[in-house]
Amino acid sequence: MSERVIAITGGHGALGSAVVEAALADGLKVAVIDHASGHAAPEGVLELGGVDLTDPASAARAIDAVVAHFGKLDALLNIAGGFVWQTTDDADPAWAKMFALNVTTALNASRAALPHLKASPEGRIVNVGANAALKSAAGMGAYAASKSGVHRLTESLAEELKSTSVTVNAVLPSILDTDQNRKDMPDADPAKWVAPADLARVMLFLASPESRAITGALIPVLGKV
């Protein structure tokens, strides 16, 4: 994987940070694309903050900046997204917000990246779906529906790109072991959850040349949940 260039959206979150760390350890060239700004990037990382991936033009500018800096793009890891627990009768429904954060960001980044990924001998897109989207639960309607949209986007793109070098896959984690999840679920056993570093390894395999035989896959990463 040496000298491969990857762009990571949402690179400052718990999962994104773990993927950046693992990618640098693998010797990859890394660009972080995030809505947040003002973060200090690790040495060698191209930091692109203040990017609104719900806007196609903003997504295109960010991807173009990655290619202008590194000269190419080999893989896009769509980690940017959001979560809300909300019952359907809530007076301020979050459905549009969930679809914007989870589906539209992945769509816009992927569309902007595709011309460059097709030029790579081993182009890759790795999305983040959710195991919770396979069967929803109370309060999970908006989130699960949006992540199901990520699953369908993954499958459709994979089919459309079978004549190219580009593969498209998604990971479907259960519960990530993050500070926020520990705070929100104090009585749960986080030892059963998925460590961000472990999910990062799965994603980087899917972003590697060695995963060329896999496309259109929705890969559960459940830990012991």
C-alpha atoms as a PDB file:
ATOM      1  CA  MET A   1       0.000   0.000   0.000  1.00  0.00           C
ATOM      2  CA  SER A   2       3.080   2.278   0.006  1.00  0.00           C
ATOM      3  CA  GLU A   3       2.617   5.557  -1.843  1.00  0.00           C
ATOM      4  CA  ARG A   4      -1.125   5.101  -2.259  1.00  0.00           C
ATOM      5  CA  VAL A   5      -3.148   8.261  -1.693  1.00  0.00           C
ATOM      6  CA  ILE A   6      -6.354   8.098   0.324  1.00  0.00           C
ATOM      7  CA  ALA A   7      -8.882  10.774   1.188  1.00  0.00           C
ATOM      8  CA  ILE A   8     -10.791  10.378   4.441  1.00  0.00           C
ATOM      9  CA  THR A   9     -13.974  12.358   5.013  1.00  0.00           C
ATOM     10  CA  GLY A  10     -14.928  13.013   8.615  1.00  0.00           C
ATOM     11  CA  GLY A  11     -11.322  12.403   9.550  1.00  0.00           C
ATOM     12  CA  HIS A  12     -11.504  14.147  12.928  1.00  0.00           C
ATOM     13  CA  GLY A  13     -14.126  11.916  14.530  1.00  0.00           C
ATOM     14  CA  ALA A  14     -13.374   8.873  16.668  1.00  0.00           C
ATOM     15  CA  LEU A  15     -13.374   6.486  13.713  1.00  0.00           C
ATOM     16  CA  GLY A  16     -11.806   8.940  11.287  1.00  0.00           C
ATOM     17  CA  SER A  17      -8.914   9.641  13.632  1.00  0.00           C
ATOM     18  CA  ALA A  18      -8.281   5.916  14.054  1.00  0.00           C
ATOM     19  CA  VAL A  19      -8.240   5.422  10.288  1.00  0.00           C
ATOM     20  CA  VAL A  20      -5.825   8.331   9.814  1.00  0.00           C
ATOM     21  CA  GLU A  21      -3.476   6.876  12.422  1.00  0.00           C
ATOM     22  CA  ALA A  22      -3.574   3.398  10.879  1.00  0.00           C
ATOM     23  CA  ALA A  23      -3.135   4.751   7.349  1.00  0.00           C
ATOM     24  CA  LEU A  24      -0.052   6.710   8.332  1.00  0.00           C
ATOM     25  CA  ALA A  25       1.360   3.624  10.032  1.00  0.00           C
ATOM     26  CA  ASP A  26       0.887   1.778   6.735  1.00  0.00           C
ATOM     27  CA  GLY A  27       2.857   4.438   4.868  1.00  0.00           C
ATOM     28  CA  LEU A  28      -0.106   5.880   2.989  1.00  0.00           C
ATOM     29  CA  LYS A  29      -0.423   9.481   1.857  1.00  0.00           C
ATOM     30  CA  VAL A  30      -3.444  10.879   3.643  1.00  0.00           C
ATOM     31  CA  ALA A  31      -5.835  13.765   3.094  1.00  0.00           C
ATOM     32  CA  VAL A  32      -8.456  14.618   5.720  1.00  0.00           C
ATOM     33  CA  ILE A  33     -11.660  16.290   4.522  1.00  0.00           C
ATOM     34  CA  ASP A  34     -13.848  17.550   7.338  1.00  0.00           C
ATOM     35  CA  HIS A  35     -16.558  20.100   8.062  1.00  0.00           C
ATOM     36  CA  ALA A  36     -14.668  21.118  11.180  1.00  0.00           C
ATOM     37  CA  SER A  37     -11.756  23.486  10.785  1.00  0.00           C
ATOM     38  CA  GLY A  38      -8.785  24.585  12.864  1.00  0.00           C
ATOM     39  CA  HIS A  39      -7.498  21.101  13.636  1.00  0.00           C
ATOM     40  CA  ALA A  40      -3.757  20.492  13.645  1.00  0.00           C
ATOM     41  CA  ALA A  41      -3.073  17.696  11.195  1.00  0.00           C
ATOM     42  CA  PRO A  42      -0.423  15.046  11.851  1.00  0.00           C
ATOM     43  CA  GLU A  43       2.814  15.568   9.943  1.00  0.00           C
ATOM     44  CA  GLY A  44       2.415  14.766   6.262  1.00  0.00           C
ATOM     45  CA  VAL A  45      -1.393  14.864   6.284  1.00  0.00           C
ATOM     46  CA  LEU A  46      -3.205  17.266   3.965  1.00  0.00           C
ATOM     47  CA  GLU A  47      -5.800  19.014   6.117  1.00  0.00           C
ATOM     48  CA  LEU A  48      -8.908  20.326   4.354  1.00  0.00           C
ATOM     49  CA  GLY A  49     -11.263  21.852   6.908  1.00  0.00           C
ATOM     50  CA  GLY A  50     -14.478  23.798   6.557  1.00  0.00           C
ATOM     51  CA  VAL A  51     -15.730  21.549   3.740  1.00  0.00           C
ATOM     52  CA  ASP A  52     -19.502  21.178   3.319  1.00  0.00           C
ATOM     53  CA  LEU A  53     -19.849  17.771   1.671  1.00  0.00           C
ATOM     54  CA  THR A  54     -23.603  18.229   1.352  1.00  0.00           C
ATOM     55  CA  ASP A  55     -22.748  20.737  -1.393  1.00  0.00           C
ATOM     56  CA  PRO A  56     -21.500  19.093  -4.625  1.00  0.00           C
ATOM     57  CA  ALA A  57     -19.294  22.055  -5.569  1.00  0.00           C
ATOM     58  CA  SER A  58     -17.635  22.096  -2.149  1.00  0.00           C
ATOM     59  CA  ALA A  59     -17.000  18.353  -2.352  1.00  0.00           C
ATOM     60  CA  ALA A  60     -15.484  18.730  -5.820  1.00  0.00           C
ATOM     61  CA  ARG A  61     -13.157  21.509  -4.683  1.00  0.00           C
ATOM     62  CA  ALA A  62     -11.920  19.371  -1.794  1.00  0.00           C
ATOM     63  CA  ILE A  63     -11.228  16.333  -3.977  1.00  0.00           C
ATOM     64  CA  ASP A  64      -9.514  18.522  -6.583  1.00  0.00           C
ATOM     65  CA  ALA A  65      -7.305  19.940  -3.825  1.00  0.00           C
ATOM     66  CA  VAL A  66      -6.250  16.430  -2.812  1.00  0.00           C
ATOM     67  CA  VAL A  67      -5.276  15.556  -6.384  1.00  0.00           C
ATOM     68  CA  ALA A  68      -3.508  18.883  -6.868  1.00  0.00           C
ATOM     69  CA  HIS A  69      -1.453  18.238  -3.730  1.00  0.00           C
ATOM     70  CA  PHE A  70      -0.580  14.554  -4.177  1.00  0.00           C
ATOM     71  CA  GLY A  71      -0.932  14.183  -7.939  1.00  0.00           C
ATOM     72  CA  LYS A  72      -3.526  11.388  -7.745  1.00  0.00           C
ATOM     73  CA  LEU A  73      -6.188   9.688  -5.636  1.00  0.00           C
ATOM     74  CA  ASP A  74      -6.393   5.931  -5.067  1.00  0.00           C
ATOM     75  CA  ALA A  75      -9.069   5.523  -2.399  1.00  0.00           C
ATOM     76  CA  LEU A  76     -11.921   7.433  -0.795  1.00  0.00           C
ATOM     77  CA  LEU A  77     -13.134   6.497   2.679  1.00  0.00           C
ATOM     78  CA  ASN A  78     -16.514   8.065   3.375  1.00  0.00           C
ATOM     79  CA  ILE A  79     -16.669   8.352   7.164  1.00  0.00           C
ATOM     80  CA  ALA A  80     -18.432  11.725   7.475  1.00  0.00           C
ATOM     81  CA  GLY A  81     -21.905  11.325   8.938  1.00  0.00           C
ATOM     82  CA  GLY A  82     -24.100  11.760  11.954  1.00  0.00           C
ATOM     83  CA  PHE A  83     -26.453  10.041  14.375  1.00  0.00           C
ATOM     84  CA  VAL A  84     -29.653  11.026  16.125  1.00  0.00           C
ATOM     85  CA  TRP A  85     -32.036   8.980  18.267  1.00  0.00           C
ATOM     86  CA  GLN A  86     -35.514  10.296  17.634  1.00  0.00           C
ATOM     87  CA  THR A  87     -39.014   8.855  17.652  1.00  0.00           C
ATOM     88  CA  THR A  88     -41.153   9.374  14.576  1.00  0.00           C
ATOM     89  CA  ASP A  89     -43.589  11.734  16.334  1.00  0.00           C
ATOM     90  CA  ASP A  90     -40.870  14.250  17.262  1.00  0.00           C
ATOM     91  CA  ALA A  91     -41.956  17.794  16.466  1.00  0.00           C
ATOM     92  CA  ASP A  92     -38.625  18.569  14.778  1.00  0.00           C
ATOM     93  CA  PRO A  93     -37.965  15.541  12.559  1.00  0.00           C
ATOM     94  CA  ALA A  94     -34.345  14.823  11.692  1.00  0.00           C
ATOM     95  CA  TRP A  95     -34.927  12.757   8.567  1.00  0.00           C
ATOM     96  CA  ALA A  96     -33.639  15.352   6.115  1.00  0.00           C
ATOM     97  CA  LYS A  97     -30.616  16.007   8.331  1.00  0.00           C
ATOM     98  CA  MET A  98     -29.745  12.303   8.569  1.00  0.00           C
ATOM     99  CA  PHE A  99     -29.992  11.794   4.816  1.00  0.00           C
ATOM    100  CA  ALA A 100     -27.889  14.892   4.188  1.00  0.00           C
ATOM    101  CA  LEU A 101     -25.154  13.894   6.633  1.00  0.00           C
ATOM    102  CA  ASN A 102     -25.016  10.190   5.854  1.00  0.00           C
ATOM    103  CA  VAL A 103     -26.086   9.711   2.232  1.00  0.00           C
ATOM    104  CA  THR A 104     -25.554  13.023   0.453  1.00  0.00           C
ATOM    105  CA  THR A 105     -22.029  13.489   1.787  1.00  0.00           C
ATOM    106  CA  ALA A 106     -20.997  10.025   0.554  1.00  0.00           C
ATOM    107  CA  LEU A 107     -22.674  10.584  -2.808  1.00  0.00           C
ATOM    108  CA  ASN A 108     -21.077  13.984  -3.430  1.00  0.00           C
ATOM    109  CA  ALA A 109     -17.598  12.885  -2.370  1.00  0.00           C
ATOM    110  CA  SER A 110     -17.825   9.726  -4.467  1.00  0.00           C
ATOM    111  CA  ARG A 111     -19.018  11.539  -7.583  1.00  0.00           C
ATOM    112  CA  ALA A 112     -16.212  14.069  -7.265  1.00  0.00           C
ATOM    113  CA  ALA A 113     -13.612  11.354  -6.708  1.00  0.00           C
ATOM    114  CA  LEU A 114     -14.676   8.932  -9.440  1.00  0.00           C
ATOM    115  CA  PRO A 115     -12.739  10.429 -12.373  1.00  0.00           C
ATOM    116  CA  HIS A 116      -9.554  10.215 -10.315  1.00  0.00           C
ATOM    117  CA  LEU A 117     -10.288   6.774  -8.878  1.00  0.00           C
ATOM    118  CA  LYS A 118     -10.901   5.410 -12.371  1.00  0.00           C
ATOM    119  CA  ALA A 119      -7.426   6.621 -13.322  1.00  0.00           C
ATOM    120  CA  SER A 120      -5.909   4.571 -10.496  1.00  0.00           C
ATOM    121  CA  PRO A 121      -4.918   0.959 -11.205  1.00  0.00           C
ATOM    122  CA  GLU A 122      -6.711  -0.001  -7.995  1.00  0.00           C
ATOM    123  CA  GLY A 123      -9.377   2.593  -7.183  1.00  0.00           C
ATOM    124  CA  ARG A 124     -11.419   2.083  -4.030  1.00  0.00           C
ATOM    125  CA  ILE A 125     -14.454   3.551  -2.272  1.00  0.00           C
ATOM    126  CA  VAL A 126     -15.214   2.414   1.278  1.00  0.00           C
ATOM    127  CA  ASN A 127     -18.431   3.599   2.899  1.00  0.00           C
ATOM    128  CA  VAL A 128     -19.666   3.343   6.481  1.00  0.00           C
ATOM    129  CA  GLY A 129     -23.112   1.816   6.791  1.00  0.00           C
ATOM    130  CA  ALA A 130     -24.611   0.423   9.977  1.00  0.00           C
ATOM    131  CA  ASN A 131     -25.702  -2.938  11.281  1.00  0.00           C
ATOM    132  CA  ALA A 132     -28.634  -1.062  12.844  1.00  0.00           C
ATOM    133  CA  ALA A 133     -29.925  -0.337   9.346  1.00  0.00           C
ATOM    134  CA  LEU A 134     -30.579  -4.036   8.665  1.00  0.00           C
ATOM    135  CA  LYS A 135     -33.446  -4.060  11.173  1.00  0.00           C
ATOM    136  CA  SER A 136     -34.433  -0.811  12.770  1.00  0.00           C
ATOM    137  CA  ALA A 137     -35.673  -0.167  16.278  1.00  0.00           C
ATOM    138  CA  ALA A 138     -37.632   2.468  18.174  1.00  0.00           C
ATOM    139  CA  GLY A 139     -36.059   5.887  17.790  1.00  0.00           C
ATOM    140  CA  MET A 140     -33.757   4.687  15.007  1.00  0.00           C
ATOM    141  CA  GLY A 141     -35.977   5.345  11.993  1.00  0.00           C
ATOM    142  CA  ALA A 142     -34.223   8.381  10.517  1.00  0.00           C
ATOM    143  CA  TYR A 143     -30.718   7.082  11.179  1.00  0.00           C
ATOM    144  CA  ALA A 144     -31.406   3.536   9.995  1.00  0.00           C
ATOM    145  CA  ALA A 145     -33.175   4.716   6.849  1.00  0.00           C
ATOM    146  CA  SER A 146     -30.269   6.988   5.950  1.00  0.00           C
ATOM    147  CA  LYS A 147     -27.701   4.252   6.543  1.00  0.00           C
ATOM    148  CA  SER A 148     -29.808   1.889   4.458  1.00  0.00           C
ATOM    149  CA  GLY A 149     -29.442   4.521   1.761  1.00  0.00           C
ATOM    150  CA  VAL A 150     -25.663   4.216   2.129  1.00  0.00           C
ATOM    151  CA  HIS A 151     -26.001   0.450   1.641  1.00  0.00           C
ATOM    152  CA  ARG A 152     -28.005   0.872  -1.558  1.00  0.00           C
ATOM    153  CA  LEU A 153     -25.603   3.558  -2.837  1.00  0.00           C
ATOM    154  CA  THR A 154     -22.724   1.156  -2.227  1.00  0.00           C
ATOM    155  CA  GLU A 155     -24.399  -1.651  -4.152  1.00  0.00           C
ATOM    156  CA  SER A 156     -25.451   0.553  -7.059  1.00  0.00           C
ATOM    157  CA  LEU A 157     -22.047   2.178  -7.467  1.00  0.00           C
ATOM    158  CA  ALA A 158     -20.354  -1.208  -7.339  1.00  0.00           C
ATOM    159  CA  GLU A 159     -22.529  -2.484 -10.183  1.00  0.00           C
ATOM    160  CA  GLU A 160     -22.009   0.657 -12.246  1.00  0.00           C
ATOM    161  CA  LEU A 161     -18.229   0.449 -11.881  1.00  0.00           C
ATOM    162  CA  LYS A 162     -17.634  -3.230 -12.595  1.00  0.00           C
ATOM    163  CA  SER A 163     -16.052  -2.392 -15.950  1.00  0.00           C
ATOM    164  CA  THR A 164     -13.438  -0.246 -14.189  1.00  0.00           C
ATOM    165  CA  SER A 165     -10.721  -0.829 -11.600  1.00  0.00           C
ATOM    166  CA  VAL A 166     -12.855   0.773  -8.890  1.00  0.00           C
ATOM    167  CA  THR A 167     -14.457  -1.347  -6.171  1.00  0.00           C
ATOM    168  CA  VAL A 168     -17.089  -0.050  -3.758  1.00  0.00           C
ATOM    169  CA  ASN A 169     -17.801  -1.666  -0.406  1.00  0.00           C
ATOM    170  CA  ALA A 170     -19.241  -0.725   2.974  1.00  0.00           C
ATOM    171  CA  VAL A 171     -18.582  -1.749   6.555  1.00  0.00           C
ATOM    172  CA  LEU A 172     -21.546  -2.228   8.868  1.00  0.00           C
ATOM    173  CA  PRO A 173     -20.387  -1.724  12.457  1.00  0.00           C
ATOM    174  CA  SER A 174     -22.536  -2.449  15.480  1.00  0.00           C
ATOM    175  CA  ILE A 175     -21.566  -0.097  18.342  1.00  0.00           C
ATOM    176  CA  LEU A 176     -18.243   1.723  18.267  1.00  0.00           C
ATOM    177  CA  ASP A 177     -16.326   2.015  21.508  1.00  0.00           C
ATOM    178  CA  THR A 178     -16.190   5.793  21.767  1.00  0.00           C
ATOM    179  CA  ASP A 179     -16.262   8.208  24.698  1.00  0.00           C
ATOM    180  CA  GLN A 180     -19.698   9.432  23.615  1.00  0.00           C
ATOM    181  CA  ASN A 181     -21.172   5.928  23.428  1.00  0.00           C
ATOM    182  CA  ARG A 182     -19.749   5.073  26.851  1.00  0.00           C
ATOM    183  CA  LYS A 183     -21.375   8.240  28.214  1.00  0.00           C
ATOM    184  CA  ASP A 184     -24.705   7.501  26.518  1.00  0.00           C
ATOM    185  CA  MET A 185     -24.767   3.825  27.594  1.00  0.00           C
ATOM    186  CA  PRO A 186     -23.103   3.708  31.022  1.00  0.00           C
ATOM    187  CA  ASP A 187     -24.560   0.304  31.911  1.00  0.00           C
ATOM    188  CA  ALA A 188     -23.349  -1.459  28.737  1.00  0.00           C
ATOM    189  CA  ASP A 189     -20.188  -3.516  28.404  1.00  0.00           C
ATOM    190  CA  PRO A 190     -17.902  -1.672  25.957  1.00  0.00           C
ATOM    191  CA  ALA A 191     -15.626  -4.717  25.763  1.00  0.00           C
ATOM    192  CA  LYS A 192     -18.265  -6.187  23.420  1.00  0.00           C
ATOM    193  CA  TRP A 193     -18.228  -3.180  21.114  1.00  0.00           C
ATOM    194  CA  VAL A 194     -16.024  -2.506  18.106  1.00  0.00           C
ATOM    195  CA  ALA A 195     -12.798  -0.609  18.729  1.00  0.00           C
ATOM    196  CA  PRO A 196     -12.318   2.155  16.132  1.00  0.00           C
ATOM    197  CA  ALA A 197      -8.783   0.860  15.530  1.00  0.00           C
ATOM    198  CA  ASP A 198     -10.158  -2.568  14.620  1.00  0.00           C
ATOM    199  CA  LEU A 199     -12.732  -1.136  12.227  1.00  0.00           C
ATOM    200  CA  ALA A 200      -9.970   1.000  10.709  1.00  0.00           C
ATOM    201  CA  ARG A 201      -8.022  -2.147   9.806  1.00  0.00           C
ATOM    202  CA  VAL A 202     -11.037  -3.602   7.977  1.00  0.00           C
ATOM    203  CA  MET A 203     -11.582  -0.368   6.076  1.00  0.00           C
ATOM    204  CA  LEU A 204      -7.939  -0.101   5.062  1.00  0.00           C
ATOM    205  CA  PHE A 205      -7.999  -3.666   3.768  1.00  0.00           C
ATOM    206  CA  LEU A 206     -10.993  -2.749   1.603  1.00  0.00           C
ATOM    207  CA  ALA A 207      -9.042   0.309   0.432  1.00  0.00           C
ATOM    208  CA  SER A 208      -6.055  -1.818  -0.552  1.00  0.00           C
ATOM    209  CA  PRO A 209      -5.163  -3.570  -3.833  1.00  0.00           C
ATOM    210  CA  GLU A 210      -5.539  -6.909  -2.059  1.00  0.00           C
ATOM    211  CA  SER A 211      -9.332  -6.429  -1.856  1.00  0.00           C
ATOM    212  CA  ARG A 212      -9.766  -6.332  -5.646  1.00  0.00           C
ATOM    213  CA  ALA A 213     -12.031  -9.400  -5.676  1.00  0.00           C
ATOM    214  CA  ILE A 214     -14.565  -7.759  -3.342  1.00  0.00           C
ATOM    215  CA  THR A 215     -17.106  -5.216  -4.559  1.00  0.00           C
ATOM    216  CA  GLY A 216     -20.677  -4.402  -3.603  1.00  0.00           C
ATOM    217  CA  ALA A 217     -20.177  -6.067  -0.219  1.00  0.00           C
ATOM    218  CA  LEU A 218     -21.832  -4.956   3.007  1.00  0.00           C
ATOM    219  CA  ILE A 219     -19.452  -6.326   5.610  1.00  0.00           C
ATOM    220  CA  PRO A 220     -20.691  -6.702   9.210  1.00  0.00           C
ATOM    221  CA  VAL A 221     -18.141  -5.658  11.839  1.00  0.00           C
ATOM    222  CA  LEU A 222     -19.967  -6.494  15.021  1.00  0.00           C
ATOM    223  CA  GLY A 223     -17.440  -7.208  17.729  1.00  0.00           C
ATOM    224  CA  LYS A 224     -19.286  -9.307  20.324  1.00  0.00           C
ATOM    225  CA  VAL A 225     -22.562  -7.417  20.126  1.00  0.00           C
END
